Amino acid sequence: MKVFYTPKMVADSESFSPSASKPTLVVESWLAHGFTIDISEPSPVTLEQLYRAHKPNYVDGVLTCRIANGFYNHSKAVAKSLIYTSGAMLDAAKSAILTGDVACAPVSGFHHACWNQSGGYCTFNGLMVTALSLLDDGLAKKVGILDCDQHYGNGTDDIIDELGIRDLVHHHTVGKRSIMPADFFIKLPELVWSFADCEILLYQAGADPQINDPLGGWLTTEQLRLRDQVVFETAKDMGLPVAWNLAGGYQRDKQGTIRPVLDIHDNTMRVCLFGH
């Protein structure tokens, strides 16, 4: 399976969130497990592609470090990484569409980024950068976004509403409303089927809904594995290509590492490759 990764997408965010440094650790873990992945270098997105999803003055300010990024600082390393995180998501989506299969961008930090501001460890909304690029290039007539991060993807909704494109981008964010696990799993197949009129599904397989996550708290690790299994199997039955990313995850073990988060992302890749 294609995984779009480069060390250029990695940065020390100097914050509580491990998201900006997580891609390397995740890919190393996948390789240590012997997962059969084909790692490809993603292309950086252009300014024009970022301008489609965000106010140009905001984009320019972030990239020149005049405006704070989503980690609430002015890190040059973070600024340099941003064109590659969105680029990885876009390349994964293009690959999924062209192959009719699944591809992965091991990145995070998208869905709280609004039209003209950052927030919640998110700077540029790579989901919307990807969706708009696919629409502009004629690779899709409608794009689906299934956001299974713990938190409401307010930035995605903000950009969709700013541009008036709800007929072109079907967005569902699980974090917008409370739901019991039993009800969630009953409704999940139907939810995936609601994207049947889309050419591609962008899937945020967040690790932060895990019950022990300091910013999460409603699904067990096994339930997260089942969530991913239902999404991938249902999309396969529909013939719907999927490009997925990591989204949130903030747990640490007693040694201070993010091994609990990596275990969840390992499960997502395992389910994606083997179905269980």
C-alpha atoms as a PDB file:
ATOM      1  CA  MET A   1       0.000   0.000   0.000  1.00  0.00           C
ATOM      2  CA  LYS A   2       1.216   3.481  -0.843  1.00  0.00           C
ATOM      3  CA  VAL A   3       2.328   5.589   2.129  1.00  0.00           C
ATOM      4  CA  PHE A   4       3.322   9.168   1.356  1.00  0.00           C
ATOM      5  CA  TYR A   5       6.051  10.138   3.791  1.00  0.00           C
ATOM      6  CA  THR A   6       9.123  12.327   3.919  1.00  0.00           C
ATOM      7  CA  PRO A   7      11.213  13.592   6.853  1.00  0.00           C
ATOM      8  CA  LYS A   8      10.412  17.049   5.476  1.00  0.00           C
ATOM      9  CA  MET A   9       6.891  16.725   6.947  1.00  0.00           C
ATOM     10  CA  VAL A  10       8.339  16.333  10.450  1.00  0.00           C
ATOM     11  CA  ALA A  11       9.083  19.112  12.931  1.00  0.00           C
ATOM     12  CA  ASP A  12       9.510  19.731  16.633  1.00  0.00           C
ATOM     13  CA  SER A  13       6.371  21.683  17.433  1.00  0.00           C
ATOM     14  CA  GLU A  14       7.660  22.757  20.878  1.00  0.00           C
ATOM     15  CA  SER A  15       4.208  21.977  22.293  1.00  0.00           C
ATOM     16  CA  PHE A  16       2.107  19.425  24.169  1.00  0.00           C
ATOM     17  CA  SER A  17       0.994  17.834  20.895  1.00  0.00           C
ATOM     18  CA  PRO A  18       3.246  15.188  19.302  1.00  0.00           C
ATOM     19  CA  SER A  19       1.515  15.541  15.940  1.00  0.00           C
ATOM     20  CA  ALA A  20       4.268  17.359  14.053  1.00  0.00           C
ATOM     21  CA  SER A  21       6.927  14.817  15.051  1.00  0.00           C
ATOM     22  CA  LYS A  22       4.692  11.731  14.880  1.00  0.00           C
ATOM     23  CA  PRO A  23       5.071  10.721  11.195  1.00  0.00           C
ATOM     24  CA  THR A  24       8.599   9.354  11.544  1.00  0.00           C
ATOM     25  CA  LEU A  25       7.745   7.380  14.686  1.00  0.00           C
ATOM     26  CA  VAL A  26       4.653   5.914  13.052  1.00  0.00           C
ATOM     27  CA  VAL A  27       6.433   4.873   9.855  1.00  0.00           C
ATOM     28  CA  GLU A  28       9.305   3.352  11.865  1.00  0.00           C
ATOM     29  CA  SER A  29       6.774   1.354  13.880  1.00  0.00           C
ATOM     30  CA  TRP A  30       5.036   0.103  10.731  1.00  0.00           C
ATOM     31  CA  LEU A  31       8.342  -0.994   9.230  1.00  0.00           C
ATOM     32  CA  ALA A  32       9.348  -2.713  12.489  1.00  0.00           C
ATOM     33  CA  HIS A  33       6.123  -4.729  12.272  1.00  0.00           C
ATOM     34  CA  GLY A  34       7.059  -5.795   8.756  1.00  0.00           C
ATOM     35  CA  PHE A  35       3.990  -4.212   7.201  1.00  0.00           C
ATOM     36  CA  THR A  36       4.133  -4.222   3.405  1.00  0.00           C
ATOM     37  CA  ILE A  37       4.091  -0.536   2.615  1.00  0.00           C
ATOM     38  CA  ASP A  38       5.435   1.336  -0.392  1.00  0.00           C
ATOM     39  CA  ILE A  39       6.847   4.635   0.871  1.00  0.00           C
ATOM     40  CA  SER A  40       6.767   7.474  -1.650  1.00  0.00           C
ATOM     41  CA  GLU A  41       8.039  11.050  -1.363  1.00  0.00           C
ATOM     42  CA  PRO A  42       5.083  13.459  -1.423  1.00  0.00           C
ATOM     43  CA  SER A  43       5.144  16.607  -3.507  1.00  0.00           C
ATOM     44  CA  PRO A  44       4.743  19.887  -1.611  1.00  0.00           C
ATOM     45  CA  VAL A  45       1.538  21.790  -2.227  1.00  0.00           C
ATOM     46  CA  THR A  46       1.790  25.149  -3.948  1.00  0.00           C
ATOM     47  CA  LEU A  47       0.841  28.547  -2.626  1.00  0.00           C
ATOM     48  CA  GLU A  48      -2.062  28.592  -5.059  1.00  0.00           C
ATOM     49  CA  GLN A  49      -3.387  25.330  -3.622  1.00  0.00           C
ATOM     50  CA  LEU A  50      -3.130  26.700  -0.079  1.00  0.00           C
ATOM     51  CA  TYR A  51      -4.826  29.930  -1.174  1.00  0.00           C
ATOM     52  CA  ARG A  52      -7.863  27.940  -2.354  1.00  0.00           C
ATOM     53  CA  ALA A  53      -8.519  26.688   1.189  1.00  0.00           C
ATOM     54  CA  HIS A  54      -7.267  29.659   3.200  1.00  0.00           C
ATOM     55  CA  LYS A  55      -7.154  33.432   3.060  1.00  0.00           C
ATOM     56  CA  PRO A  56      -3.928  34.313   1.202  1.00  0.00           C
ATOM     57  CA  ASN A  57      -2.767  36.824   3.827  1.00  0.00           C
ATOM     58  CA  TYR A  58      -3.093  34.124   6.470  1.00  0.00           C
ATOM     59  CA  VAL A  59      -1.108  31.603   4.404  1.00  0.00           C
ATOM     60  CA  ASP A  60       1.676  34.095   3.735  1.00  0.00           C
ATOM     61  CA  GLY A  61       1.818  35.150   7.365  1.00  0.00           C
ATOM     62  CA  VAL A  62       2.155  31.586   8.631  1.00  0.00           C
ATOM     63  CA  LEU A  63       4.812  30.585   6.098  1.00  0.00           C
ATOM     64  CA  THR A  64       6.906  33.652   6.926  1.00  0.00           C
ATOM     65  CA  CYS A  65       6.366  33.079  10.667  1.00  0.00           C
ATOM     66  CA  ARG A  66       4.672  36.453  11.168  1.00  0.00           C
ATOM     67  CA  ILE A  67       1.444  34.696  12.191  1.00  0.00           C
ATOM     68  CA  ALA A  68       1.447  31.955  14.828  1.00  0.00           C
ATOM     69  CA  ASN A  69       0.942  28.391  13.659  1.00  0.00           C
ATOM     70  CA  GLY A  70      -1.538  25.939  15.175  1.00  0.00           C
ATOM     71  CA  PHE A  71       0.935  25.116  17.948  1.00  0.00           C
ATOM     72  CA  TYR A  72       0.725  28.762  19.084  1.00  0.00           C
ATOM     73  CA  ASN A  73       4.308  29.622  18.200  1.00  0.00           C
ATOM     74  CA  HIS A  74       6.307  30.949  15.242  1.00  0.00           C
ATOM     75  CA  SER A  75       8.509  27.908  14.602  1.00  0.00           C
ATOM     76  CA  LYS A  76      10.352  28.003  11.284  1.00  0.00           C
ATOM     77  CA  ALA A  77      10.607  24.198  11.354  1.00  0.00           C
ATOM     78  CA  VAL A  78       6.838  23.847  11.581  1.00  0.00           C
ATOM     79  CA  ALA A  79       6.331  26.388   8.786  1.00  0.00           C
ATOM     80  CA  LYS A  80       8.671  24.444   6.488  1.00  0.00           C
ATOM     81  CA  SER A  81       6.852  21.164   7.193  1.00  0.00           C
ATOM     82  CA  LEU A  82       3.346  22.391   6.348  1.00  0.00           C
ATOM     83  CA  ILE A  83       3.558  22.237   2.556  1.00  0.00           C
ATOM     84  CA  TYR A  84       4.554  18.581   2.879  1.00  0.00           C
ATOM     85  CA  THR A  85       1.855  17.492   5.333  1.00  0.00           C
ATOM     86  CA  SER A  86      -0.862  18.799   3.015  1.00  0.00           C
ATOM     87  CA  GLY A  87       1.115  17.496   0.043  1.00  0.00           C
ATOM     88  CA  ALA A  88       1.153  14.004   1.495  1.00  0.00           C
ATOM     89  CA  MET A  89      -2.622  14.058   1.971  1.00  0.00           C
ATOM     90  CA  LEU A  90      -3.171  15.267  -1.577  1.00  0.00           C
ATOM     91  CA  ASP A  91      -0.830  12.681  -3.089  1.00  0.00           C
ATOM     92  CA  ALA A  92      -2.471   9.894  -1.064  1.00  0.00           C
ATOM     93  CA  ALA A  93      -5.884  10.955  -2.349  1.00  0.00           C
ATOM     94  CA  LYS A  94      -4.658  11.105  -5.944  1.00  0.00           C
ATOM     95  CA  SER A  95      -3.131   7.641  -5.596  1.00  0.00           C
ATOM     96  CA  ALA A  96      -6.325   6.212  -4.117  1.00  0.00           C
ATOM     97  CA  ILE A  97      -8.429   7.658  -6.939  1.00  0.00           C
ATOM     98  CA  LEU A  98      -6.084   6.477  -9.683  1.00  0.00           C
ATOM     99  CA  THR A  99      -5.772   2.946  -8.267  1.00  0.00           C
ATOM    100  CA  GLY A 100      -9.304   2.649  -6.905  1.00  0.00           C
ATOM    101  CA  ASP A 101      -7.786   1.461  -3.640  1.00  0.00           C
ATOM    102  CA  VAL A 102      -6.443   2.777  -0.319  1.00  0.00           C
ATOM    103  CA  ALA A 103      -3.478   5.061   0.376  1.00  0.00           C
ATOM    104  CA  CYS A 104      -2.123   6.692   3.509  1.00  0.00           C
ATOM    105  CA  ALA A 105      -0.633  10.012   4.564  1.00  0.00           C
ATOM    106  CA  PRO A 106       0.825   9.557   8.074  1.00  0.00           C
ATOM    107  CA  VAL A 107       0.086  13.152   9.059  1.00  0.00           C
ATOM    108  CA  SER A 108      -2.081  15.110  11.492  1.00  0.00           C
ATOM    109  CA  GLY A 109      -3.041  18.670  12.289  1.00  0.00           C
ATOM    110  CA  PHE A 110      -5.768  19.594   9.811  1.00  0.00           C
ATOM    111  CA  HIS A 111      -9.349  19.874  10.955  1.00  0.00           C
ATOM    112  CA  HIS A 112      -9.248  22.856  13.351  1.00  0.00           C
ATOM    113  CA  ALA A 113      -7.594  25.079  10.735  1.00  0.00           C
ATOM    114  CA  CYS A 114     -10.188  27.586   9.532  1.00  0.00           C
ATOM    115  CA  TRP A 115     -10.330  29.870   6.495  1.00  0.00           C
ATOM    116  CA  ASN A 116      -8.243  32.590   8.123  1.00  0.00           C
ATOM    117  CA  GLN A 117      -6.912  31.237  11.417  1.00  0.00           C
ATOM    118  CA  SER A 118      -5.260  28.264  13.060  1.00  0.00           C
ATOM    119  CA  GLY A 119      -6.246  26.437  16.233  1.00  0.00           C
ATOM    120  CA  GLY A 120      -6.029  23.213  18.190  1.00  0.00           C
ATOM    121  CA  TYR A 121      -2.593  22.170  16.843  1.00  0.00           C
ATOM    122  CA  CYS A 122      -3.841  22.644  13.265  1.00  0.00           C
ATOM    123  CA  THR A 123      -2.404  25.265  10.895  1.00  0.00           C
ATOM    124  CA  PHE A 124      -3.439  24.455   7.316  1.00  0.00           C
ATOM    125  CA  ASN A 125      -6.459  22.266   6.630  1.00  0.00           C
ATOM    126  CA  GLY A 126      -4.922  19.563   4.449  1.00  0.00           C
ATOM    127  CA  LEU A 127      -8.322  17.900   4.128  1.00  0.00           C
ATOM    128  CA  MET A 128      -9.740  20.946   2.374  1.00  0.00           C
ATOM    129  CA  VAL A 129      -6.548  21.701   0.446  1.00  0.00           C
ATOM    130  CA  THR A 130      -6.840  18.149  -0.886  1.00  0.00           C
ATOM    131  CA  ALA A 131     -10.562  18.283  -1.582  1.00  0.00           C
ATOM    132  CA  LEU A 132     -10.335  21.562  -3.481  1.00  0.00           C
ATOM    133  CA  SER A 133      -7.322  20.441  -5.500  1.00  0.00           C
ATOM    134  CA  LEU A 134      -9.105  17.240  -6.531  1.00  0.00           C
ATOM    135  CA  LEU A 135     -12.184  19.217  -7.553  1.00  0.00           C
ATOM    136  CA  ASP A 136     -10.168  21.848  -9.411  1.00  0.00           C
ATOM    137  CA  ASP A 137      -8.153  19.222 -11.296  1.00  0.00           C
ATOM    138  CA  GLY A 138     -11.262  17.272 -12.310  1.00  0.00           C
ATOM    139  CA  LEU A 139     -10.184  14.170 -10.378  1.00  0.00           C
ATOM    140  CA  ALA A 140     -13.417  14.216  -8.391  1.00  0.00           C
ATOM    141  CA  LYS A 141     -16.846  15.761  -8.743  1.00  0.00           C
ATOM    142  CA  LYS A 142     -17.575  15.307  -5.044  1.00  0.00           C
ATOM    143  CA  VAL A 143     -15.240  14.584  -2.123  1.00  0.00           C
ATOM    144  CA  GLY A 144     -16.156  12.894   1.156  1.00  0.00           C
ATOM    145  CA  ILE A 145     -14.511  13.631   4.492  1.00  0.00           C
ATOM    146  CA  LEU A 146     -15.154  11.229   7.378  1.00  0.00           C
ATOM    147  CA  ASP A 147     -13.531  12.728  10.458  1.00  0.00           C
ATOM    148  CA  CYS A 148     -13.206  10.210  13.285  1.00  0.00           C
ATOM    149  CA  ASP A 149     -10.928  12.309  15.435  1.00  0.00           C
ATOM    150  CA  GLN A 150     -12.209  12.891  18.971  1.00  0.00           C
ATOM    151  CA  HIS A 151     -12.917  16.550  18.322  1.00  0.00           C
ATOM    152  CA  TYR A 152     -15.259  18.538  16.116  1.00  0.00           C
ATOM    153  CA  GLY A 153     -13.664  19.465  12.782  1.00  0.00           C
ATOM    154  CA  ASN A 154     -14.762  23.080  13.041  1.00  0.00           C
ATOM    155  CA  GLY A 155     -12.136  24.328  10.611  1.00  0.00           C
ATOM    156  CA  THR A 156     -13.342  22.031   7.858  1.00  0.00           C
ATOM    157  CA  ASP A 157     -16.916  23.252   8.287  1.00  0.00           C
ATOM    158  CA  ASP A 158     -15.703  26.857   8.371  1.00  0.00           C
ATOM    159  CA  ILE A 159     -13.915  26.558   5.020  1.00  0.00           C
ATOM    160  CA  ILE A 160     -16.803  24.682   3.399  1.00  0.00           C
ATOM    161  CA  ASP A 161     -19.220  27.405   4.502  1.00  0.00           C
ATOM    162  CA  GLU A 162     -16.864  30.246   3.550  1.00  0.00           C
ATOM    163  CA  LEU A 163     -16.644  28.874   0.009  1.00  0.00           C
ATOM    164  CA  GLY A 164     -20.266  27.702  -0.181  1.00  0.00           C
ATOM    165  CA  ILE A 165     -19.397  24.188  -1.389  1.00  0.00           C
ATOM    166  CA  ARG A 166     -21.533  21.827   0.687  1.00  0.00           C
ATOM    167  CA  ASP A 167     -22.793  20.323  -2.572  1.00  0.00           C
ATOM    168  CA  LEU A 168     -19.200  19.424  -3.517  1.00  0.00           C
ATOM    169  CA  VAL A 169     -17.768  18.319  -0.164  1.00  0.00           C
ATOM    170  CA  HIS A 170     -19.690  15.931   2.090  1.00  0.00           C
ATOM    171  CA  HIS A 171     -18.238  16.295   5.572  1.00  0.00           C
ATOM    172  CA  HIS A 172     -19.149  14.279   8.652  1.00  0.00           C
ATOM    173  CA  THR A 173     -17.283  14.865  11.907  1.00  0.00           C
ATOM    174  CA  VAL A 174     -17.945  12.346  14.659  1.00  0.00           C
ATOM    175  CA  GLY A 175     -16.676  14.745  17.313  1.00  0.00           C
ATOM    176  CA  LYS A 176     -19.510  17.216  16.694  1.00  0.00           C
ATOM    177  CA  ARG A 177     -22.022  15.312  18.782  1.00  0.00           C
ATOM    178  CA  SER A 178     -22.070  12.842  21.661  1.00  0.00           C
ATOM    179  CA  ILE A 179     -22.970   9.251  20.845  1.00  0.00           C
ATOM    180  CA  MET A 180     -22.753   6.000  22.778  1.00  0.00           C
ATOM    181  CA  PRO A 181     -20.325   3.386  21.408  1.00  0.00           C
ATOM    182  CA  ALA A 182     -23.080   0.832  20.785  1.00  0.00           C
ATOM    183  CA  ASP A 183     -25.105   3.325  18.743  1.00  0.00           C
ATOM    184  CA  PHE A 184     -21.988   4.470  16.897  1.00  0.00           C
ATOM    185  CA  PHE A 185     -21.205   0.989  15.633  1.00  0.00           C
ATOM    186  CA  ILE A 186     -24.812   0.376  14.634  1.00  0.00           C
ATOM    187  CA  LYS A 187     -24.830   3.567  12.559  1.00  0.00           C
ATOM    188  CA  LEU A 188     -21.255   3.457  11.223  1.00  0.00           C
ATOM    189  CA  PRO A 189     -21.857   1.309   8.105  1.00  0.00           C
ATOM    190  CA  GLU A 190     -24.772   3.560   7.101  1.00  0.00           C
ATOM    191  CA  LEU A 191     -22.574   6.594   7.725  1.00  0.00           C
ATOM    192  CA  VAL A 192     -19.898   5.290   5.357  1.00  0.00           C
ATOM    193  CA  TRP A 193     -22.582   4.498   2.769  1.00  0.00           C
ATOM    194  CA  SER A 194     -23.692   8.147   2.930  1.00  0.00           C
ATOM    195  CA  PHE A 195     -20.544   8.915   0.908  1.00  0.00           C
ATOM    196  CA  ALA A 196     -21.659   6.738  -2.008  1.00  0.00           C
ATOM    197  CA  ASP A 197     -21.934   9.715  -4.371  1.00  0.00           C
ATOM    198  CA  CYS A 198     -18.299  10.724  -3.740  1.00  0.00           C
ATOM    199  CA  GLU A 199     -15.287   9.694  -5.826  1.00  0.00           C
ATOM    200  CA  ILE A 200     -12.968   9.591  -2.796  1.00  0.00           C
ATOM    201  CA  LEU A 201     -13.239   9.337   0.994  1.00  0.00           C
ATOM    202  CA  LEU A 202     -10.727  11.224   3.132  1.00  0.00           C
ATOM    203  CA  TYR A 203     -10.694   9.344   6.444  1.00  0.00           C
ATOM    204  CA  GLN A 204      -9.252  10.760   9.656  1.00  0.00           C
ATOM    205  CA  ALA A 205      -8.485   7.671  11.766  1.00  0.00           C
ATOM    206  CA  GLY A 206      -7.865   9.560  14.999  1.00  0.00           C
ATOM    207  CA  ALA A 207      -6.242   7.855  17.978  1.00  0.00           C
ATOM    208  CA  ASP A 208      -7.507  10.372  20.522  1.00  0.00           C
ATOM    209  CA  PRO A 209     -11.008   8.880  21.034  1.00  0.00           C
ATOM    210  CA  GLN A 210      -9.250   6.186  23.112  1.00  0.00           C
ATOM    211  CA  ILE A 211     -10.618   6.123  26.666  1.00  0.00           C
ATOM    212  CA  ASN A 212      -7.238   6.826  28.275  1.00  0.00           C
ATOM    213  CA  ASP A 213      -6.291   9.722  26.022  1.00  0.00           C
ATOM    214  CA  PRO A 214      -6.013  12.978  28.007  1.00  0.00           C
ATOM    215  CA  LEU A 215      -8.011  14.745  25.277  1.00  0.00           C
ATOM    216  CA  GLY A 216     -10.275  11.840  24.397  1.00  0.00           C
ATOM    217  CA  GLY A 217     -12.301   9.290  26.243  1.00  0.00           C
ATOM    218  CA  TRP A 218     -15.042   7.087  24.758  1.00  0.00           C
ATOM    219  CA  LEU A 219     -13.678   4.078  22.809  1.00  0.00           C
ATOM    220  CA  THR A 220     -11.363   1.247  23.796  1.00  0.00           C
ATOM    221  CA  THR A 221      -8.388   0.283  21.672  1.00  0.00           C
ATOM    222  CA  GLU A 222     -10.322  -2.736  20.422  1.00  0.00           C
ATOM    223  CA  GLN A 223     -13.285  -0.540  19.531  1.00  0.00           C
ATOM    224  CA  LEU A 224     -10.983   1.779  17.586  1.00  0.00           C
ATOM    225  CA  ARG A 225      -9.711  -1.252  15.679  1.00  0.00           C
ATOM    226  CA  LEU A 226     -13.309  -2.239  14.943  1.00  0.00           C
ATOM    227  CA  ARG A 227     -14.092   1.327  13.821  1.00  0.00           C
ATOM    228  CA  ASP A 228     -11.284   1.173  11.268  1.00  0.00           C
ATOM    229  CA  GLN A 229     -12.319  -2.292  10.127  1.00  0.00           C
ATOM    230  CA  VAL A 230     -15.895  -1.183   9.484  1.00  0.00           C
ATOM    231  CA  VAL A 231     -14.778   1.914   7.574  1.00  0.00           C
ATOM    232  CA  PHE A 232     -12.291   0.084   5.354  1.00  0.00           C
ATOM    233  CA  GLU A 233     -14.521  -2.950   4.716  1.00  0.00           C
ATOM    234  CA  THR A 234     -17.605  -0.874   3.949  1.00  0.00           C
ATOM    235  CA  ALA A 235     -15.687   1.427   1.608  1.00  0.00           C
ATOM    236  CA  LYS A 236     -14.235  -1.634  -0.152  1.00  0.00           C
ATOM    237  CA  ASP A 237     -17.728  -3.094  -0.601  1.00  0.00           C
ATOM    238  CA  MET A 238     -18.791   0.239  -2.108  1.00  0.00           C
ATOM    239  CA  GLY A 239     -15.787   0.453  -4.402  1.00  0.00           C
ATOM    240  CA  LEU A 240     -14.955   3.776  -2.746  1.00  0.00           C
ATOM    241  CA  PRO A 241     -11.260   4.747  -2.713  1.00  0.00           C
ATOM    242  CA  VAL A 242      -9.925   5.870   0.681  1.00  0.00           C
ATOM    243  CA  ALA A 243      -7.048   8.140   1.656  1.00  0.00           C
ATOM    244  CA  TRP A 244      -6.497   8.110   5.399  1.00  0.00           C
ATOM    245  CA  ASN A 245      -4.384   9.984   7.910  1.00  0.00           C
ATOM    246  CA  LEU A 246      -3.519   9.814  11.611  1.00  0.00           C
ATOM    247  CA  ALA A 247      -5.270  12.849  13.155  1.00  0.00           C
ATOM    248  CA  GLY A 248      -5.009  13.229  16.958  1.00  0.00           C
ATOM    249  CA  GLY A 249      -3.511  11.135  19.740  1.00  0.00           C
ATOM    250  CA  TYR A 250      -1.931  12.408  22.961  1.00  0.00           C
ATOM    251  CA  GLN A 251      -1.330   9.480  25.312  1.00  0.00           C
ATOM    252  CA  ARG A 252       2.080   8.767  26.782  1.00  0.00           C
ATOM    253  CA  ASP A 253       3.406   5.776  28.680  1.00  0.00           C
ATOM    254  CA  LYS A 254       5.334   5.800  31.967  1.00  0.00           C
ATOM    255  CA  GLN A 255       8.548   6.463  30.051  1.00  0.00           C
ATOM    256  CA  GLY A 256       7.007   9.532  28.426  1.00  0.00           C
ATOM    257  CA  THR A 257       6.833   8.039  24.919  1.00  0.00           C
ATOM    258  CA  ILE A 258       3.784   7.978  22.637  1.00  0.00           C
ATOM    259  CA  ARG A 259       3.850   4.180  22.357  1.00  0.00           C
ATOM    260  CA  PRO A 260       0.111   3.919  23.232  1.00  0.00           C
ATOM    261  CA  VAL A 261      -0.673   6.208  20.279  1.00  0.00           C
ATOM    262  CA  LEU A 262       1.627   4.261  17.965  1.00  0.00           C
ATOM    263  CA  ASP A 263      -0.133   1.026  18.947  1.00  0.00           C
ATOM    264  CA  ILE A 264      -3.450   2.483  17.778  1.00  0.00           C
ATOM    265  CA  HIS A 265      -1.972   3.642  14.480  1.00  0.00           C
ATOM    266  CA  ASP A 266      -0.366   0.200  14.084  1.00  0.00           C
ATOM    267  CA  ASN A 267      -3.817  -1.339  14.436  1.00  0.00           C
ATOM    268  CA  THR A 268      -5.229   0.957  11.757  1.00  0.00           C
ATOM    269  CA  MET A 269      -2.520  -0.058   9.316  1.00  0.00           C
ATOM    270  CA  ARG A 270      -2.930  -3.740  10.222  1.00  0.00           C
ATOM    271  CA  VAL A 271      -6.673  -3.588   9.609  1.00  0.00           C
ATOM    272  CA  CYS A 272      -6.155  -1.679   6.374  1.00  0.00           C
ATOM    273  CA  LEU A 273      -3.704  -4.265   5.061  1.00  0.00           C
ATOM    274  CA  PHE A 274      -5.196  -7.484   6.398  1.00  0.00           C
ATOM    275  CA  GLY A 275      -8.795  -6.691   7.313  1.00  0.00           C
ATOM    276  CA  HIS A 276      -8.453  -7.659  10.979  1.00  0.00           C
END
